[in-house]
Amino acid sequence: MTDRHDPHDLYRFVQAQQDDYAQALAEIRRGRKTSHWI
């Protein structure tokens, strides 16, 4: 959704990665990347 505070709808990039965040953070904490994430 585009609004006057985000006229280019940049939040869509945050939303696209939101599901991968927990997985990525867990891998970073373990010190080893085992899956694909942006």
Protein backbone atom coordinates (compact mmCIF):
# COMPACT_ATOMS: atom_id res chain seq x y z
CA MET A 1 0.00 0.00 0.00
CA THR A 2 1.43 3.34 -1.04
CA ASP A 3 0.90 6.37 1.13
CA ARG A 4 2.37 9.84 1.45
CA HIS A 5 5.02 8.61 3.91
CA ASP A 6 6.20 5.84 1.59
CA PRO A 7 5.35 7.02 -1.93
CA HIS A 8 7.50 4.30 -3.53
CA ASP A 9 6.10 1.50 -1.36
CA LEU A 10 9.57 0.60 -0.07
CA TYR A 11 8.02 -1.27 2.86
CA ARG A 12 7.25 -4.10 0.41
CA PHE A 13 10.92 -5.10 0.68
CA VAL A 14 10.66 -5.41 4.45
CA GLN A 15 7.51 -7.48 4.09
CA ALA A 16 9.15 -9.76 1.52
CA GLN A 17 11.95 -10.63 3.95
CA GLN A 18 9.93 -10.76 7.15
CA ASP A 19 9.32 -14.51 7.08
CA ASP A 20 13.04 -15.22 6.61
CA TYR A 21 14.23 -12.96 9.43
CA ALA A 22 13.88 -15.44 12.29
CA GLN A 23 15.61 -18.18 10.30
CA ALA A 24 18.46 -15.88 9.28
CA LEU A 25 18.94 -14.61 12.81
CA ALA A 26 19.06 -18.14 14.20
CA GLU A 27 21.68 -19.13 11.64
CA ILE A 28 23.78 -16.06 12.40
CA ARG A 29 23.66 -16.87 16.10
CA ARG A 30 24.76 -20.46 15.40
CA GLY A 31 27.60 -19.16 13.23
CA ARG A 32 26.62 -21.14 10.16
CA LYS A 33 24.38 -20.35 7.23
CA THR A 34 22.40 -23.44 6.22
CA SER A 35 19.51 -22.07 4.18
CA HIS A 36 18.85 -19.47 1.51
CA TRP A 37 17.78 -16.01 2.55
CA ILE A 38 18.25 -12.53 1.16
